[in-house]
Amino acid sequence: MYPVTLVPNNTLLTATPEEGRQLAVHMSRLIVKATQPDATKREQLRDIYANDAAMLLAVTHTVAIEFATIAAANNYWR
């Protein structure tokens, strides 16, 4: 098994807020992959969290935290 690269291209810098948001979603997905490396198990769990409002809100919270970090790294695209 190889380690998951958690910061794609080793940078948080993006040209636009939209790219930053997409990076935040991508990084959040990478966290799931690093936490549960078994693809079969992740597939089994999808149906559970896809139907649980609290779990879906937790996902949005994770993306929001990643996006806040990326925005700060980009000086809020000023």
N, C-alpha and C. Protein backbone atom coordinates (compact mmCIF):
# COMPACT_ATOMS: atom_id res chain seq x y z
N MET A 1 0.83 -1.18 0.00
CA MET A 1 0.00 0.00 0.00
C MET A 1 0.88 1.25 0.00
N TYR A 2 0.44 2.27 -0.68
CA TYR A 2 1.18 3.52 -0.75
C TYR A 2 0.43 4.59 0.03
N PRO A 3 1.12 5.57 0.53
CA PRO A 3 0.42 6.64 1.25
C PRO A 3 -0.36 7.52 0.27
N VAL A 4 -1.46 8.04 0.74
CA VAL A 4 -2.29 8.94 -0.06
C VAL A 4 -1.68 10.34 0.00
N THR A 5 -1.52 10.98 -1.14
CA THR A 5 -1.04 12.36 -1.18
C THR A 5 -2.21 13.25 -0.80
N LEU A 6 -2.12 13.89 0.35
CA LEU A 6 -3.24 14.67 0.88
C LEU A 6 -3.30 16.10 0.36
N VAL A 7 -2.20 16.62 -0.16
CA VAL A 7 -2.19 17.95 -0.76
C VAL A 7 -1.75 17.78 -2.21
N PRO A 8 -2.71 17.72 -3.14
CA PRO A 8 -2.36 17.52 -4.55
C PRO A 8 -1.38 18.57 -5.04
N ASN A 9 -0.37 18.13 -5.76
CA ASN A 9 0.68 19.00 -6.30
C ASN A 9 1.44 19.76 -5.21
N ASN A 10 1.26 19.34 -3.96
CA ASN A 10 1.98 19.92 -2.82
C ASN A 10 1.78 21.43 -2.70
N THR A 11 0.58 21.91 -3.05
CA THR A 11 0.30 23.33 -2.90
C THR A 11 -1.18 23.57 -2.63
N LEU A 12 -1.47 24.60 -1.88
CA LEU A 12 -2.84 25.03 -1.65
C LEU A 12 -3.19 26.25 -2.50
N LEU A 13 -2.22 26.73 -3.27
CA LEU A 13 -2.45 27.92 -4.08
C LEU A 13 -3.30 27.59 -5.30
N THR A 14 -4.32 28.40 -5.53
CA THR A 14 -5.20 28.24 -6.68
C THR A 14 -5.42 29.61 -7.32
N ALA A 15 -5.81 29.61 -8.57
CA ALA A 15 -5.99 30.87 -9.29
C ALA A 15 -7.28 31.59 -8.90
N THR A 16 -8.30 30.83 -8.54
CA THR A 16 -9.61 31.43 -8.25
C THR A 16 -10.25 30.76 -7.03
N PRO A 17 -11.24 31.42 -6.44
CA PRO A 17 -11.99 30.78 -5.36
C PRO A 17 -12.68 29.49 -5.82
N GLU A 18 -13.17 29.45 -7.05
CA GLU A 18 -13.80 28.23 -7.57
C GLU A 18 -12.81 27.07 -7.58
N GLU A 19 -11.60 27.32 -8.05
CA GLU A 19 -10.57 26.27 -8.02
C GLU A 19 -10.26 25.88 -6.58
N GLY A 20 -10.27 26.85 -5.69
CA GLY A 20 -10.03 26.57 -4.28
C GLY A 20 -11.11 25.68 -3.69
N ARG A 21 -12.35 25.95 -4.06
CA ARG A 21 -13.46 25.14 -3.57
C ARG A 21 -13.36 23.72 -4.11
N GLN A 22 -13.02 23.59 -5.38
CA GLN A 22 -12.85 22.25 -5.96
C GLN A 22 -11.71 21.50 -5.28
N LEU A 23 -10.64 22.21 -4.96
CA LEU A 23 -9.53 21.59 -4.25
C LEU A 23 -9.98 21.14 -2.86
N ALA A 24 -10.80 21.94 -2.20
CA ALA A 24 -11.30 21.58 -0.87
C ALA A 24 -12.11 20.29 -0.92
N VAL A 25 -12.96 20.15 -1.92
CA VAL A 25 -13.75 18.93 -2.07
C VAL A 25 -12.82 17.75 -2.33
N HIS A 26 -11.87 17.95 -3.22
CA HIS A 26 -10.92 16.88 -3.55
C HIS A 26 -10.12 16.45 -2.32
N MET A 27 -9.64 17.41 -1.56
CA MET A 27 -8.86 17.08 -0.37
C MET A 27 -9.72 16.37 0.67
N SER A 28 -10.97 16.75 0.79
CA SER A 28 -11.86 16.08 1.74
C SER A 28 -12.06 14.62 1.34
N ARG A 29 -12.17 14.37 0.06
CA ARG A 29 -12.30 12.99 -0.41
C ARG A 29 -11.03 12.20 -0.13
N LEU A 30 -9.89 12.85 -0.26
CA LEU A 30 -8.62 12.17 0.03
C LEU A 30 -8.51 11.79 1.50
N ILE A 31 -9.08 12.61 2.38
CA ILE A 31 -9.07 12.29 3.81
C ILE A 31 -9.84 10.99 4.05
N VAL A 32 -10.98 10.85 3.38
CA VAL A 32 -11.76 9.61 3.52
C VAL A 32 -10.94 8.42 3.04
N LYS A 33 -10.28 8.59 1.90
CA LYS A 33 -9.46 7.49 1.35
C LYS A 33 -8.31 7.13 2.28
N ALA A 34 -7.70 8.13 2.90
CA ALA A 34 -6.60 7.85 3.83
C ALA A 34 -7.11 7.18 5.10
N THR A 35 -8.30 7.58 5.54
CA THR A 35 -8.87 7.02 6.77
C THR A 35 -9.36 5.59 6.56
N GLN A 36 -9.98 5.35 5.40
CA GLN A 36 -10.48 4.01 5.08
C GLN A 36 -9.90 3.61 3.72
N PRO A 37 -8.70 3.01 3.72
CA PRO A 37 -8.04 2.69 2.46
C PRO A 37 -8.69 1.55 1.66
N ASP A 38 -9.57 0.79 2.28
CA ASP A 38 -10.22 -0.33 1.60
C ASP A 38 -11.36 0.18 0.73
N ALA A 39 -11.18 0.15 -0.59
CA ALA A 39 -12.18 0.67 -1.53
C ALA A 39 -13.52 -0.07 -1.41
N THR A 40 -13.47 -1.35 -1.18
CA THR A 40 -14.71 -2.13 -1.05
C THR A 40 -15.49 -1.67 0.17
N LYS A 41 -14.79 -1.44 1.27
CA LYS A 41 -15.45 -0.99 2.48
C LYS A 41 -16.04 0.41 2.29
N ARG A 42 -15.29 1.31 1.61
CA ARG A 42 -15.82 2.66 1.34
C ARG A 42 -17.10 2.57 0.53
N GLU A 43 -17.12 1.69 -0.45
CA GLU A 43 -18.32 1.51 -1.29
C GLU A 43 -19.49 1.02 -0.44
N GLN A 44 -19.23 0.11 0.48
CA GLN A 44 -20.29 -0.40 1.36
C GLN A 44 -20.84 0.70 2.26
N LEU A 45 -19.98 1.57 2.72
CA LEU A 45 -20.39 2.63 3.65
C LEU A 45 -21.14 3.77 2.97
N ARG A 46 -20.94 3.93 1.68
CA ARG A 46 -21.59 5.05 0.96
C ARG A 46 -23.09 5.08 1.14
N ASP A 47 -23.72 3.93 1.05
CA ASP A 47 -25.17 3.88 1.18
C ASP A 47 -25.62 4.32 2.57
N ILE A 48 -24.79 4.05 3.57
CA ILE A 48 -25.14 4.44 4.93
C ILE A 48 -25.10 5.95 5.08
N TYR A 49 -23.96 6.57 4.73
CA TYR A 49 -23.86 8.01 4.94
C TYR A 49 -24.67 8.81 3.93
N ALA A 50 -24.95 8.25 2.77
CA ALA A 50 -25.75 8.96 1.77
C ALA A 50 -27.19 9.16 2.24
N ASN A 51 -27.61 8.38 3.20
CA ASN A 51 -28.98 8.46 3.71
C ASN A 51 -29.06 8.97 5.14
N ASP A 52 -28.00 9.59 5.62
CA ASP A 52 -27.95 10.10 7.00
C ASP A 52 -27.63 11.59 6.95
N ALA A 53 -28.61 12.40 7.28
CA ALA A 53 -28.45 13.86 7.19
C ALA A 53 -27.29 14.35 8.06
N ALA A 54 -27.12 13.80 9.23
CA ALA A 54 -26.04 14.24 10.12
C ALA A 54 -24.67 13.95 9.50
N MET A 55 -24.53 12.80 8.87
CA MET A 55 -23.26 12.46 8.24
C MET A 55 -23.00 13.36 7.03
N LEU A 56 -24.04 13.67 6.27
CA LEU A 56 -23.87 14.57 5.12
C LEU A 56 -23.47 15.97 5.58
N LEU A 57 -24.04 16.44 6.69
CA LEU A 57 -23.64 17.74 7.24
C LEU A 57 -22.19 17.70 7.70
N ALA A 58 -21.75 16.58 8.24
CA ALA A 58 -20.36 16.45 8.66
C ALA A 58 -19.43 16.57 7.46
N VAL A 59 -19.85 16.03 6.33
CA VAL A 59 -19.05 16.13 5.10
C VAL A 59 -18.92 17.60 4.70
N THR A 60 -20.03 18.33 4.73
CA THR A 60 -19.97 19.74 4.33
C THR A 60 -19.09 20.53 5.28
N HIS A 61 -19.09 20.17 6.54
CA HIS A 61 -18.23 20.84 7.52
C HIS A 61 -16.75 20.60 7.19
N THR A 62 -16.42 19.38 6.84
CA THR A 62 -15.04 19.05 6.48
C THR A 62 -14.59 19.86 5.26
N VAL A 63 -15.45 19.94 4.25
CA VAL A 63 -15.12 20.73 3.06
C VAL A 63 -14.95 22.19 3.43
N ALA A 64 -15.82 22.70 4.29
CA ALA A 64 -15.73 24.11 4.70
C ALA A 64 -14.41 24.41 5.40
N ILE A 65 -13.97 23.51 6.25
CA ILE A 65 -12.69 23.71 6.95
C ILE A 65 -11.54 23.69 5.94
N GLU A 66 -11.57 22.74 5.02
CA GLU A 66 -10.53 22.69 3.99
C GLU A 66 -10.53 23.98 3.17
N PHE A 67 -11.72 24.46 2.79
CA PHE A 67 -11.82 25.67 1.97
C PHE A 67 -11.30 26.88 2.74
N ALA A 68 -11.60 26.98 4.01
CA ALA A 68 -11.10 28.09 4.82
C ALA A 68 -9.58 28.10 4.86
N THR A 69 -9.00 26.94 4.97
CA THR A 69 -7.54 26.82 4.98
C THR A 69 -6.96 27.24 3.62
N ILE A 70 -7.58 26.79 2.55
CA ILE A 70 -7.11 27.13 1.20
C ILE A 70 -7.28 28.62 0.95
N ALA A 71 -8.41 29.19 1.36
CA ALA A 71 -8.64 30.63 1.17
C ALA A 71 -7.58 31.44 1.91
N ALA A 72 -7.27 31.06 3.12
CA ALA A 72 -6.22 31.78 3.87
C ALA A 72 -4.87 31.67 3.17
N ALA A 73 -4.57 30.49 2.66
CA ALA A 73 -3.28 30.30 1.97
C ALA A 73 -3.20 31.16 0.71
N ASN A 74 -4.34 31.49 0.14
CA ASN A 74 -4.39 32.31 -1.07
C ASN A 74 -4.68 33.77 -0.77
N ASN A 75 -4.51 34.16 0.49
CA ASN A 75 -4.78 35.54 0.91
C ASN A 75 -6.17 35.96 0.45
N TYR A 76 -7.10 35.04 0.50
CA TYR A 76 -8.49 35.26 0.13
C TYR A 76 -8.63 35.84 -1.28
N TRP A 77 -7.71 35.49 -2.15
CA TRP A 77 -7.68 35.87 -3.57
C TRP A 77 -7.73 37.38 -3.79
N ARG A 78 -7.05 38.09 -2.89
CA ARG A 78 -6.96 39.55 -3.05
C ARG A 78 -5.87 39.91 -3.99
